[in-house]
Amino acid sequence: QVQLEESGGGPVQVGGSLKLSCVASGFTFGNFDMS
């Protein structure tokens, strides 16, 4: 059961910064190229 859970987004002003995360499960994450 593959799951991908994104987080970290939200409202931000022009010029600002955000860091997104994606937690993966259900497969061998380290064996795959990601995007």
All heavy atoms as atom14 arrays in JSON, in Angstrom:
{
  "sequence": "QVQLEESGGGPVQVGGSLKLSCVASGFTFGNFDMS",
  "atom14_mask": [
    [1, 1, 1, 1, 1, 1, 1, 1, 1, 0, 0, 0, 0, 0],
    [1, 1, 1, 1, 1, 1, 1, 0, 0, 0, 0, 0, 0, 0],
    [1, 1, 1, 1, 1, 1, 1, 1, 1, 0, 0, 0, 0, 0],
    [1, 1, 1, 1, 1, 1, 1, 1, 0, 0, 0, 0, 0, 0],
    [1, 1, 1, 1, 1, 1, 1, 1, 1, 0, 0, 0, 0, 0],
    [1, 1, 1, 1, 1, 1, 1, 1, 1, 0, 0, 0, 0, 0],
    [1, 1, 1, 1, 1, 1, 0, 0, 0, 0, 0, 0, 0, 0],
    [1, 1, 1, 1, 0, 0, 0, 0, 0, 0, 0, 0, 0, 0],
    [1, 1, 1, 1, 0, 0, 0, 0, 0, 0, 0, 0, 0, 0],
    [1, 1, 1, 1, 0, 0, 0, 0, 0, 0, 0, 0, 0, 0],
    [1, 1, 1, 1, 1, 1, 1, 0, 0, 0, 0, 0, 0, 0],
    [1, 1, 1, 1, 1, 1, 1, 0, 0, 0, 0, 0, 0, 0],
    [1, 1, 1, 1, 1, 1, 1, 1, 1, 0, 0, 0, 0, 0],
    [1, 1, 1, 1, 1, 1, 1, 0, 0, 0, 0, 0, 0, 0],
    [1, 1, 1, 1, 0, 0, 0, 0, 0, 0, 0, 0, 0, 0],
    [1, 1, 1, 1, 0, 0, 0, 0, 0, 0, 0, 0, 0, 0],
    [1, 1, 1, 1, 1, 1, 0, 0, 0, 0, 0, 0, 0, 0],
    [1, 1, 1, 1, 1, 1, 1, 1, 0, 0, 0, 0, 0, 0],
    [1, 1, 1, 1, 1, 1, 1, 1, 1, 0, 0, 0, 0, 0],
    [1, 1, 1, 1, 1, 1, 1, 1, 0, 0, 0, 0, 0, 0],
    [1, 1, 1, 1, 1, 1, 0, 0, 0, 0, 0, 0, 0, 0],
    [1, 1, 1, 1, 1, 1, 0, 0, 0, 0, 0, 0, 0, 0],
    [1, 1, 1, 1, 1, 1, 1, 0, 0, 0, 0, 0, 0, 0],
    [1, 1, 1, 1, 1, 0, 0, 0, 0, 0, 0, 0, 0, 0],
    [1, 1, 1, 1, 1, 1, 0, 0, 0, 0, 0, 0, 0, 0],
    [1, 1, 1, 1, 0, 0, 0, 0, 0, 0, 0, 0, 0, 0],
    [1, 1, 1, 1, 1, 1, 1, 1, 1, 1, 1, 0, 0, 0],
    [1, 1, 1, 1, 1, 1, 1, 0, 0, 0, 0, 0, 0, 0],
    [1, 1, 1, 1, 1, 1, 1, 1, 1, 1, 1, 0, 0, 0],
    [1, 1, 1, 1, 0, 0, 0, 0, 0, 0, 0, 0, 0, 0],
    [1, 1, 1, 1, 1, 1, 1, 1, 0, 0, 0, 0, 0, 0],
    [1, 1, 1, 1, 1, 1, 1, 1, 1, 1, 1, 0, 0, 0],
    [1, 1, 1, 1, 1, 1, 1, 1, 0, 0, 0, 0, 0, 0],
    [1, 1, 1, 1, 1, 1, 1, 1, 0, 0, 0, 0, 0, 0],
    [1, 1, 1, 1, 1, 1, 0, 0, 0, 0, 0, 0, 0, 0]
  ],
  "atom14_positions": [
    [[0.84, -1.18, 0.0], [0.0, 0.0, 0.0], [0.89, 1.24, 0.0], [1.36, 1.69, 1.05], [-0.93, 0.0, 1.21], [-1.93, 1.14, 1.19], [-2.88, 1.1, 2.37], [-2.88, 0.15, 3.15], [-3.69, 2.13, 2.51], [0.0, 0.0, 0.0], [0.0, 0.0, 0.0], [0.0, 0.0, 0.0], [0.0, 0.0, 0.0], [0.0, 0.0, 0.0]],
    [[1.08, 1.8, -1.16], [1.93, 2.97, -1.31], [1.18, 4.21, -0.81], [0.02, 4.43, -1.16], [2.35, 3.17, -2.77], [3.1, 4.48, -2.94], [3.2, 2.0, -3.22], [0.0, 0.0, 0.0], [0.0, 0.0, 0.0], [0.0, 0.0, 0.0], [0.0, 0.0, 0.0], [0.0, 0.0, 0.0], [0.0, 0.0, 0.0], [0.0, 0.0, 0.0]],
    [[1.87, 5.0, 0.0], [1.33, 6.26, 0.47], [2.37, 7.36, 0.37], [3.54, 7.15, 0.68], [0.85, 6.16, 1.92], [-0.51, 5.52, 2.08], [-1.05, 5.7, 3.48], [-0.58, 5.05, 4.42], [-2.03, 6.59, 3.62], [0.0, 0.0, 0.0], [0.0, 0.0, 0.0], [0.0, 0.0, 0.0], [0.0, 0.0, 0.0], [0.0, 0.0, 0.0]],
    [[1.93, 8.52, -0.07], [2.76, 9.71, -0.14], [1.99, 10.83, 0.53], [0.87, 11.15, 0.12], [3.07, 10.07, -1.59], [3.83, 9.02, -2.4], [3.82, 9.37, -3.88], [5.26, 8.9, -1.89], [0.0, 0.0, 0.0], [0.0, 0.0, 0.0], [0.0, 0.0, 0.0], [0.0, 0.0, 0.0], [0.0, 0.0, 0.0], [0.0, 0.0, 0.0]],
    [[2.58, 11.42, 1.55], [1.9, 12.43, 2.34], [2.71, 13.72, 2.32], [3.74, 13.83, 2.98], [1.68, 11.95, 3.76], [0.85, 12.9, 4.61], [0.54, 12.34, 5.97], [1.08, 11.28, 6.33], [-0.27, 12.96, 6.69], [0.0, 0.0, 0.0], [0.0, 0.0, 0.0], [0.0, 0.0, 0.0], [0.0, 0.0, 0.0], [0.0, 0.0, 0.0]],
    [[2.21, 14.7, 1.6], [2.87, 15.99, 1.5], [2.42, 16.92, 2.63], [1.28, 16.86, 3.07], [2.55, 16.66, 0.15], [3.0, 15.86, -1.07], [1.93, 14.92, -1.6], [0.91, 14.71, -0.9], [2.09, 14.42, -2.72], [0.0, 0.0, 0.0], [0.0, 0.0, 0.0], [0.0, 0.0, 0.0], [0.0, 0.0, 0.0], [0.0, 0.0, 0.0]],
    [[3.33, 17.8, 3.04], [3.02, 18.78, 4.06], [3.97, 19.96, 3.93], [4.95, 19.9, 3.21], [3.12, 18.17, 5.47], [4.44, 17.75, 5.75], [0.0, 0.0, 0.0], [0.0, 0.0, 0.0], [0.0, 0.0, 0.0], [0.0, 0.0, 0.0], [0.0, 0.0, 0.0], [0.0, 0.0, 0.0], [0.0, 0.0, 0.0], [0.0, 0.0, 0.0]],
    [[3.68, 21.02, 4.66], [4.56, 22.16, 4.72], [4.12, 23.38, 3.93], [4.72, 24.45, 4.05], [0.0, 0.0, 0.0], [0.0, 0.0, 0.0], [0.0, 0.0, 0.0], [0.0, 0.0, 0.0], [0.0, 0.0, 0.0], [0.0, 0.0, 0.0], [0.0, 0.0, 0.0], [0.0, 0.0, 0.0], [0.0, 0.0, 0.0], [0.0, 0.0, 0.0]],
    [[3.09, 23.23, 3.13], [2.61, 24.35, 2.35], [1.81, 25.33, 3.18], [1.63, 25.16, 4.38], [0.0, 0.0, 0.0], [0.0, 0.0, 0.0], [0.0, 0.0, 0.0], [0.0, 0.0, 0.0], [0.0, 0.0, 0.0], [0.0, 0.0, 0.0], [0.0, 0.0, 0.0], [0.0, 0.0, 0.0], [0.0, 0.0, 0.0], [0.0, 0.0, 0.0]],
    [[1.36, 26.39, 2.53], [0.59, 27.4, 3.2], [0.69, 28.72, 2.47], [1.29, 28.8, 1.39], [0.0, 0.0, 0.0], [0.0, 0.0, 0.0], [0.0, 0.0, 0.0], [0.0, 0.0, 0.0], [0.0, 0.0, 0.0], [0.0, 0.0, 0.0], [0.0, 0.0, 0.0], [0.0, 0.0, 0.0], [0.0, 0.0, 0.0], [0.0, 0.0, 0.0]],
    [[0.12, 29.76, 3.05], [0.22, 31.09, 2.45], [1.58, 31.72, 2.73], [2.12, 31.57, 3.82], [-0.9, 31.86, 3.14], [-1.04, 31.21, 4.47], [-0.73, 29.75, 4.26], [0.0, 0.0, 0.0], [0.0, 0.0, 0.0], [0.0, 0.0, 0.0], [0.0, 0.0, 0.0], [0.0, 0.0, 0.0], [0.0, 0.0, 0.0], [0.0, 0.0, 0.0]],
    [[2.1, 32.42, 1.76], [3.39, 33.07, 1.9], [3.42, 34.28, 0.98], [2.77, 34.29, -0.07], [4.54, 32.09, 1.58], [4.47, 31.63, 0.14], [5.89, 32.7, 1.91], [0.0, 0.0, 0.0], [0.0, 0.0, 0.0], [0.0, 0.0, 0.0], [0.0, 0.0, 0.0], [0.0, 0.0, 0.0], [0.0, 0.0, 0.0], [0.0, 0.0, 0.0]],
    [[4.15, 35.3, 1.36], [4.27, 36.48, 0.53], [5.34, 36.31, -0.53], [6.25, 35.49, -0.4], [4.58, 37.71, 1.4], [3.46, 38.09, 2.34], [3.74, 39.38, 3.09], [4.64, 40.14, 2.74], [2.96, 39.63, 4.12], [0.0, 0.0, 0.0], [0.0, 0.0, 0.0], [0.0, 0.0, 0.0], [0.0, 0.0, 0.0], [0.0, 0.0, 0.0]],
    [[5.22, 37.09, -1.58], [6.23, 37.1, -2.63], [7.6, 37.35, -2.0], [7.77, 38.25, -1.17], [5.92, 38.17, -3.68], [7.09, 38.36, -4.63], [4.67, 37.8, -4.46], [0.0, 0.0, 0.0], [0.0, 0.0, 0.0], [0.0, 0.0, 0.0], [0.0, 0.0, 0.0], [0.0, 0.0, 0.0], [0.0, 0.0, 0.0], [0.0, 0.0, 0.0]],
    [[8.57, 36.55, -2.41], [9.91, 36.67, -1.87], [10.17, 35.81, -0.65], [11.33, 35.7, -0.22], [0.0, 0.0, 0.0], [0.0, 0.0, 0.0], [0.0, 0.0, 0.0], [0.0, 0.0, 0.0], [0.0, 0.0, 0.0], [0.0, 0.0, 0.0], [0.0, 0.0, 0.0], [0.0, 0.0, 0.0], [0.0, 0.0, 0.0], [0.0, 0.0, 0.0]],
    [[9.14, 35.21, -0.11], [9.27, 34.39, 1.07], [9.73, 32.98, 0.76], [10.03, 32.63, -0.38], [0.0, 0.0, 0.0], [0.0, 0.0, 0.0], [0.0, 0.0, 0.0], [0.0, 0.0, 0.0], [0.0, 0.0, 0.0], [0.0, 0.0, 0.0], [0.0, 0.0, 0.0], [0.0, 0.0, 0.0], [0.0, 0.0, 0.0], [0.0, 0.0, 0.0]],
    [[9.76, 32.16, 1.8], [10.26, 30.79, 1.69], [9.32, 29.81, 2.36], [8.61, 30.15, 3.31], [11.64, 30.67, 2.33], [12.6, 31.48, 1.68], [0.0, 0.0, 0.0], [0.0, 0.0, 0.0], [0.0, 0.0, 0.0], [0.0, 0.0, 0.0], [0.0, 0.0, 0.0], [0.0, 0.0, 0.0], [0.0, 0.0, 0.0], [0.0, 0.0, 0.0]],
    [[9.33, 28.6, 1.85], [8.63, 27.48, 2.45], [9.45, 26.22, 2.22], [10.2, 26.13, 1.24], [7.24, 27.27, 1.84], [6.11, 28.24, 2.2], [4.89, 27.94, 1.35], [5.77, 28.12, 3.67], [0.0, 0.0, 0.0], [0.0, 0.0, 0.0], [0.0, 0.0, 0.0], [0.0, 0.0, 0.0], [0.0, 0.0, 0.0], [0.0, 0.0, 0.0]],
    [[9.27, 25.25, 3.09], [9.9, 23.96, 2.9], [8.82, 22.88, 2.95], [8.14, 22.71, 3.96], [10.96, 23.68, 3.95], [11.77, 22.41, 3.67], [12.94, 22.26, 4.63], [13.8, 21.06, 4.27], [14.98, 20.95, 5.17], [0.0, 0.0, 0.0], [0.0, 0.0, 0.0], [0.0, 0.0, 0.0], [0.0, 0.0, 0.0], [0.0, 0.0, 0.0]],
    [[8.7, 22.15, 1.86], [7.74, 21.07, 1.76], [8.39, 19.75, 2.13], [9.58, 19.54, 1.9], [7.17, 20.97, 0.35], [6.52, 22.22, -0.24], [5.99, 21.93, -1.63], [5.41, 22.73, 0.67], [0.0, 0.0, 0.0], [0.0, 0.0, 0.0], [0.0, 0.0, 0.0], [0.0, 0.0, 0.0], [0.0, 0.0, 0.0], [0.0, 0.0, 0.0]],
    [[7.59, 18.86, 2.69], [8.04, 17.52, 3.01], [7.08, 16.51, 2.42], [5.89, 16.79, 2.25], [8.13, 17.32, 4.52], [9.06, 18.19, 5.11], [0.0, 0.0, 0.0], [0.0, 0.0, 0.0], [0.0, 0.0, 0.0], [0.0, 0.0, 0.0], [0.0, 0.0, 0.0], [0.0, 0.0, 0.0], [0.0, 0.0, 0.0], [0.0, 0.0, 0.0]],
    [[7.59, 15.35, 2.13], [6.77, 14.24, 1.65], [7.27, 12.97, 2.32], [8.4, 12.56, 2.1], [6.86, 14.12, 0.13], [6.09, 12.64, -0.55], [0.0, 0.0, 0.0], [0.0, 0.0, 0.0], [0.0, 0.0, 0.0], [0.0, 0.0, 0.0], [0.0, 0.0, 0.0], [0.0, 0.0, 0.0], [0.0, 0.0, 0.0], [0.0, 0.0, 0.0]],
    [[6.42, 12.39, 3.13], [6.75, 11.14, 3.81], [6.17, 9.98, 3.0], [4.98, 9.97, 2.71], [6.21, 11.12, 5.24], [6.53, 9.79, 5.9], [6.8, 12.27, 6.04], [0.0, 0.0, 0.0], [0.0, 0.0, 0.0], [0.0, 0.0, 0.0], [0.0, 0.0, 0.0], [0.0, 0.0, 0.0], [0.0, 0.0, 0.0], [0.0, 0.0, 0.0]],
    [[7.03, 9.04, 2.67], [6.64, 7.92, 1.83], [6.56, 6.63, 2.63], [7.34, 6.42, 3.57], [7.62, 7.74, 0.68], [0.0, 0.0, 0.0], [0.0, 0.0, 0.0], [0.0, 0.0, 0.0], [0.0, 0.0, 0.0], [0.0, 0.0, 0.0], [0.0, 0.0, 0.0], [0.0, 0.0, 0.0], [0.0, 0.0, 0.0], [0.0, 0.0, 0.0]],
    [[5.65, 5.76, 2.24], [5.54, 4.46, 2.87], [4.97, 3.47, 1.86], [4.4, 3.85, 0.85], [4.66, 4.51, 4.12], [3.34, 4.93, 3.8], [0.0, 0.0, 0.0], [0.0, 0.0, 0.0], [0.0, 0.0, 0.0], [0.0, 0.0, 0.0], [0.0, 0.0, 0.0], [0.0, 0.0, 0.0], [0.0, 0.0, 0.0], [0.0, 0.0, 0.0]],
    [[5.16, 2.19, 2.15], [4.6, 1.16, 1.3], [5.49, 0.71, 0.16], [5.08, -0.13, -0.64], [0.0, 0.0, 0.0], [0.0, 0.0, 0.0], [0.0, 0.0, 0.0], [0.0, 0.0, 0.0], [0.0, 0.0, 0.0], [0.0, 0.0, 0.0], [0.0, 0.0, 0.0], [0.0, 0.0, 0.0], [0.0, 0.0, 0.0], [0.0, 0.0, 0.0]],
    [[6.68, 1.25, 0.06], [7.65, 0.83, -0.94], [9.05, 1.17, -0.47], [9.22, 1.9, 0.51], [7.35, 1.46, -2.31], [7.54, 2.95, -2.36], [8.66, 3.5, -2.96], [6.6, 3.81, -1.83], [8.84, 4.87, -3.03], [6.77, 5.18, -1.88], [7.89, 5.72, -2.49], [0.0, 0.0, 0.0], [0.0, 0.0, 0.0], [0.0, 0.0, 0.0]],
    [[10.04, 0.63, -1.15], [11.42, 0.87, -0.76], [11.85, 2.24, -1.29], [12.38, 2.36, -2.4], [12.34, -0.23, -1.3], [11.81, -1.51, -0.91], [13.74, -0.09, -0.71], [0.0, 0.0, 0.0], [0.0, 0.0, 0.0], [0.0, 0.0, 0.0], [0.0, 0.0, 0.0], [0.0, 0.0, 0.0], [0.0, 0.0, 0.0], [0.0, 0.0, 0.0]],
    [[11.62, 3.23, -0.49], [11.82, 4.63, -0.88], [13.22, 4.87, -1.42], [13.4, 5.57, -2.43], [11.54, 5.53, 0.33], [11.77, 6.98, 0.09], [10.88, 7.73, -0.65], [12.88, 7.61, 0.64], [11.09, 9.08, -0.86], [13.1, 8.97, 0.44], [12.2, 9.7, -0.31], [0.0, 0.0, 0.0], [0.0, 0.0, 0.0], [0.0, 0.0, 0.0]],
    [[14.22, 4.3, -0.77], [15.61, 4.53, -1.15], [16.01, 3.95, -2.49], [17.11, 4.25, -2.97], [0.0, 0.0, 0.0], [0.0, 0.0, 0.0], [0.0, 0.0, 0.0], [0.0, 0.0, 0.0], [0.0, 0.0, 0.0], [0.0, 0.0, 0.0], [0.0, 0.0, 0.0], [0.0, 0.0, 0.0], [0.0, 0.0, 0.0], [0.0, 0.0, 0.0]],
    [[15.16, 3.16, -3.11], [15.46, 2.57, -4.4], [14.9, 3.36, -5.58], [15.13, 2.99, -6.72], [14.91, 1.14, -4.47], [15.71, 0.17, -3.62], [16.79, 0.51, -3.12], [15.19, -1.03, -3.46], [0.0, 0.0, 0.0], [0.0, 0.0, 0.0], [0.0, 0.0, 0.0], [0.0, 0.0, 0.0], [0.0, 0.0, 0.0], [0.0, 0.0, 0.0]],
    [[14.19, 4.44, -5.31], [13.49, 5.16, -6.36], [13.96, 6.59, -6.52], [14.16, 7.31, -5.52], [11.98, 5.16, -6.08], [11.33, 3.84, -6.3], [11.34, 2.87, -5.31], [10.7, 3.55, -7.5], [10.75, 1.64, -5.5], [10.09, 2.32, -7.7], [10.12, 1.37, -6.71], [0.0, 0.0, 0.0], [0.0, 0.0, 0.0], [0.0, 0.0, 0.0]],
    [[14.12, 7.01, -7.76], [14.25, 8.42, -8.06], [12.91, 9.09, -7.73], [11.85, 8.52, -7.98], [14.57, 8.65, -9.53], [15.9, 8.07, -9.94], [16.66, 7.6, -9.07], [16.2, 8.1, -11.16], [0.0, 0.0, 0.0], [0.0, 0.0, 0.0], [0.0, 0.0, 0.0], [0.0, 0.0, 0.0], [0.0, 0.0, 0.0], [0.0, 0.0, 0.0]],
    [[12.98, 10.29, -7.2], [11.76, 10.98, -6.78], [11.69, 12.37, -7.42], [12.68, 12.9, -7.91], [11.71, 11.11, -5.26], [11.64, 9.78, -4.52], [10.12, 8.85, -4.86], [8.88, 9.92, -4.11], [0.0, 0.0, 0.0], [0.0, 0.0, 0.0], [0.0, 0.0, 0.0], [0.0, 0.0, 0.0], [0.0, 0.0, 0.0], [0.0, 0.0, 0.0]],
    [[10.5, 12.94, -7.37], [10.29, 14.24, -7.99], [9.21, 15.02, -7.26], [8.45, 14.48, -6.46], [9.9, 14.09, -9.47], [8.63, 13.48, -9.6], [0.0, 0.0, 0.0], [0.0, 0.0, 0.0], [0.0, 0.0, 0.0], [0.0, 0.0, 0.0], [0.0, 0.0, 0.0], [0.0, 0.0, 0.0], [0.0, 0.0, 0.0], [0.0, 0.0, 0.0]]
  ]
}
